[in-house]
Every structure is written in structure tokens, then in C-alpha cells.
N, C-alpha and C. Protein backbone atom coordinates (compact mmCIF):
# COMPACT_ATOMS: atom_id res chain seq x y z
N MET A 1 -66.32 105.45 98.31
CA MET A 1 -66.34 104.11 97.80
C MET A 1 -66.94 103.21 98.89
N LYS A 2 -67.83 102.34 98.48
CA LYS A 2 -68.53 101.37 99.34
C LYS A 2 -68.42 99.97 98.73
N ALA A 3 -68.18 98.98 99.57
CA ALA A 3 -68.07 97.62 99.15
C ALA A 3 -68.70 96.72 100.16
N ALA A 4 -69.01 95.49 99.73
CA ALA A 4 -69.55 94.46 100.62
C ALA A 4 -68.70 93.19 100.40
N VAL A 5 -68.69 92.29 101.35
CA VAL A 5 -68.00 90.99 101.16
C VAL A 5 -68.64 90.34 99.94
N GLY A 6 -67.75 89.82 99.09
CA GLY A 6 -68.21 89.15 97.85
C GLY A 6 -68.09 90.04 96.61
N ASP A 7 -67.97 91.36 96.83
CA ASP A 7 -67.74 92.26 95.70
C ASP A 7 -66.32 92.10 95.19
N LYS A 8 -66.04 92.58 93.99
CA LYS A 8 -64.73 92.60 93.45
C LYS A 8 -64.15 94.00 93.46
N LEU A 9 -62.86 94.05 93.71
CA LEU A 9 -62.16 95.35 93.69
C LEU A 9 -61.23 95.29 92.47
N VAL A 10 -61.44 96.22 91.54
CA VAL A 10 -60.58 96.25 90.32
C VAL A 10 -59.70 97.53 90.48
N VAL A 11 -58.39 97.31 90.34
CA VAL A 11 -57.42 98.35 90.43
C VAL A 11 -56.70 98.44 89.08
N GLU A 12 -56.88 99.58 88.42
CA GLU A 12 -56.28 99.79 87.08
C GLU A 12 -54.84 100.14 87.19
N GLY A 13 -54.02 99.54 86.37
CA GLY A 13 -52.57 99.89 86.37
C GLY A 13 -52.39 101.31 85.80
N THR A 14 -51.73 102.17 86.55
CA THR A 14 -51.55 103.54 86.13
C THR A 14 -50.08 103.85 85.68
N LYS A 15 -49.15 102.97 85.97
CA LYS A 15 -47.76 103.11 85.61
C LYS A 15 -47.44 102.15 84.53
N GLY A 16 -46.43 102.51 83.74
CA GLY A 16 -45.97 101.66 82.65
C GLY A 16 -45.69 100.22 83.18
N GLY A 17 -46.21 99.27 82.52
CA GLY A 17 -45.96 97.89 82.91
C GLY A 17 -46.93 97.29 83.93
N ASN A 18 -47.64 98.18 84.68
CA ASN A 18 -48.62 97.68 85.63
C ASN A 18 -49.88 97.36 84.89
N LEU A 19 -50.46 96.21 85.33
CA LEU A 19 -51.70 95.72 84.67
C LEU A 19 -52.84 95.85 85.68
N ARG A 20 -54.02 95.67 85.19
CA ARG A 20 -55.23 95.70 86.04
C ARG A 20 -55.11 94.51 87.02
N ARG A 21 -55.48 94.67 88.26
CA ARG A 21 -55.59 93.62 89.21
C ARG A 21 -57.05 93.57 89.72
N THR A 22 -57.52 92.40 89.90
CA THR A 22 -58.82 92.19 90.41
C THR A 22 -58.76 91.27 91.67
N GLY A 23 -59.49 91.67 92.68
CA GLY A 23 -59.46 90.91 93.92
C GLY A 23 -60.87 90.74 94.43
N LEU A 24 -61.08 89.75 95.27
CA LEU A 24 -62.39 89.48 95.93
C LEU A 24 -62.32 90.10 97.26
N VAL A 25 -63.36 90.93 97.60
CA VAL A 25 -63.41 91.55 98.91
C VAL A 25 -63.82 90.48 99.89
N ILE A 26 -63.00 90.15 100.91
CA ILE A 26 -63.34 89.11 101.86
C ILE A 26 -63.62 89.69 103.25
N GLU A 27 -63.26 90.98 103.42
CA GLU A 27 -63.57 91.64 104.71
C GLU A 27 -63.69 93.12 104.46
N VAL A 28 -64.69 93.75 105.09
CA VAL A 28 -64.85 95.24 104.99
C VAL A 28 -64.55 95.85 106.35
N GLY A 29 -63.81 96.95 106.31
CA GLY A 29 -63.32 97.51 107.53
C GLY A 29 -64.32 98.28 108.36
N HIS A 30 -65.43 98.73 107.76
CA HIS A 30 -66.38 99.54 108.51
C HIS A 30 -67.84 99.04 108.14
N LEU A 31 -68.76 99.24 109.09
CA LEU A 31 -70.10 98.81 108.86
C LEU A 31 -70.79 99.50 107.66
N ASP A 32 -70.38 100.71 107.30
CA ASP A 32 -70.96 101.43 106.21
C ASP A 32 -70.35 101.05 104.87
N GLY A 33 -69.43 100.07 104.83
CA GLY A 33 -68.82 99.65 103.57
C GLY A 33 -67.64 100.38 103.07
N SER A 34 -67.18 101.34 103.90
CA SER A 34 -66.01 102.12 103.49
C SER A 34 -64.74 101.38 103.80
N PRO A 35 -63.61 101.79 103.12
CA PRO A 35 -62.32 101.10 103.31
C PRO A 35 -61.83 101.26 104.69
N PRO A 36 -60.85 100.41 105.05
CA PRO A 36 -60.08 99.50 104.20
C PRO A 36 -60.79 98.19 103.98
N TYR A 37 -60.33 97.45 102.96
CA TYR A 37 -60.86 96.14 102.60
C TYR A 37 -59.75 95.09 102.65
N ARG A 38 -60.12 93.93 103.17
CA ARG A 38 -59.21 92.80 102.99
C ARG A 38 -59.56 92.11 101.69
N VAL A 39 -58.62 92.00 100.83
CA VAL A 39 -58.86 91.53 99.42
C VAL A 39 -58.02 90.27 99.15
N ARG A 40 -58.62 89.30 98.53
CA ARG A 40 -57.83 88.12 98.01
C ARG A 40 -57.68 88.35 96.50
N TRP A 41 -56.46 88.53 96.06
CA TRP A 41 -56.18 88.77 94.67
C TRP A 41 -56.36 87.54 93.84
N LEU A 42 -57.08 87.68 92.74
CA LEU A 42 -57.43 86.51 91.87
C LEU A 42 -56.20 85.99 91.14
N ASP A 43 -55.25 86.82 90.87
CA ASP A 43 -54.08 86.32 90.09
C ASP A 43 -53.11 85.46 90.83
N ASP A 44 -52.99 85.65 92.17
CA ASP A 44 -52.02 84.93 92.95
C ASP A 44 -52.55 84.36 94.26
N GLY A 45 -53.81 84.66 94.64
CA GLY A 45 -54.36 84.20 95.84
C GLY A 45 -53.90 84.81 97.15
N ARG A 46 -52.99 85.78 97.07
CA ARG A 46 -52.52 86.50 98.26
C ARG A 46 -53.57 87.46 98.76
N GLU A 47 -53.48 87.70 100.03
CA GLU A 47 -54.44 88.64 100.66
C GLU A 47 -53.68 89.96 101.09
N SER A 48 -54.43 91.04 100.95
CA SER A 48 -53.87 92.36 101.31
C SER A 48 -54.94 93.16 101.94
N LEU A 49 -54.49 94.05 102.85
CA LEU A 49 -55.34 95.14 103.36
C LEU A 49 -55.23 96.32 102.41
N VAL A 50 -56.35 96.71 101.88
CA VAL A 50 -56.27 97.70 100.78
C VAL A 50 -57.02 98.97 101.17
N PHE A 51 -56.39 100.10 100.95
CA PHE A 51 -57.02 101.40 101.06
C PHE A 51 -57.07 101.96 99.58
N PRO A 52 -58.19 101.64 98.89
CA PRO A 52 -58.24 101.97 97.40
C PRO A 52 -58.04 103.43 97.13
N GLY A 53 -57.29 103.66 96.03
CA GLY A 53 -57.05 105.02 95.53
C GLY A 53 -58.01 105.38 94.39
N PRO A 54 -57.77 106.41 93.69
CA PRO A 54 -58.65 106.85 92.63
C PRO A 54 -58.62 105.97 91.38
N ASP A 55 -57.67 105.06 91.33
CA ASP A 55 -57.63 104.11 90.18
C ASP A 55 -58.34 102.81 90.43
N ALA A 56 -59.11 102.75 91.56
CA ALA A 56 -59.87 101.58 91.90
C ALA A 56 -61.33 101.77 91.78
N ARG A 57 -62.04 100.67 91.58
CA ARG A 57 -63.56 100.67 91.57
C ARG A 57 -64.02 99.37 92.06
N VAL A 58 -65.22 99.41 92.62
CA VAL A 58 -65.88 98.22 93.19
C VAL A 58 -66.91 97.70 92.17
N VAL A 59 -66.85 96.40 91.96
CA VAL A 59 -67.84 95.72 91.09
C VAL A 59 -68.71 94.87 92.00
N PRO A 60 -69.98 95.20 92.09
CA PRO A 60 -70.90 94.44 92.96
C PRO A 60 -70.91 92.95 92.64
N ALA A 61 -71.06 92.06 93.65
CA ALA A 61 -71.12 90.67 93.39
C ALA A 61 -72.23 90.37 92.37
N GLY A 62 -71.93 89.50 91.42
CA GLY A 62 -72.88 89.10 90.41
C GLY A 62 -72.80 89.98 89.15
N HIS A 63 -72.04 91.01 89.14
CA HIS A 63 -71.84 91.83 87.92
C HIS A 63 -70.51 91.52 87.23
N ALA A 64 -70.42 91.67 85.92
CA ALA A 64 -69.24 91.43 85.17
C ALA A 64 -68.29 92.60 85.49
N SER A 65 -67.00 92.24 85.61
CA SER A 65 -65.95 93.34 85.82
C SER A 65 -65.50 93.73 84.47
């Protein structure tokens, strides 16, 4: 998985009651775009350091999620 600042990270809910979360990538951990990513979640504005799992995908900036 590769991301750049400004991309969106979409994490699909895989357990009952969990919903999709979308966050804005505000920092990338490595020069090659690999994780971890610092993400600002769009639903509550909180920031997290994220090591995305198989239920996540990157949406490049300017594309619809």
C-alpha cells in the first residue's frame, strides 16, 4: 500500500456494528509512501497513527471514495 499526503484512507468495517471510516492522510511514514500514516478522521477530527490492514484502501487525492 502506498499513499501521499492529501490522499484518503478508507477502512471498511469488518465486525458487526463497525462502519466504514474515512480519514485524510496528513503525514506519510516513509519516503516511498508505505505505512504508517498519520490520519485525521473525517467523522470526528481526531488524529491517529495508522498501520492499515487488509480492510483498508487508499483513495488518491481528487478521486471519489
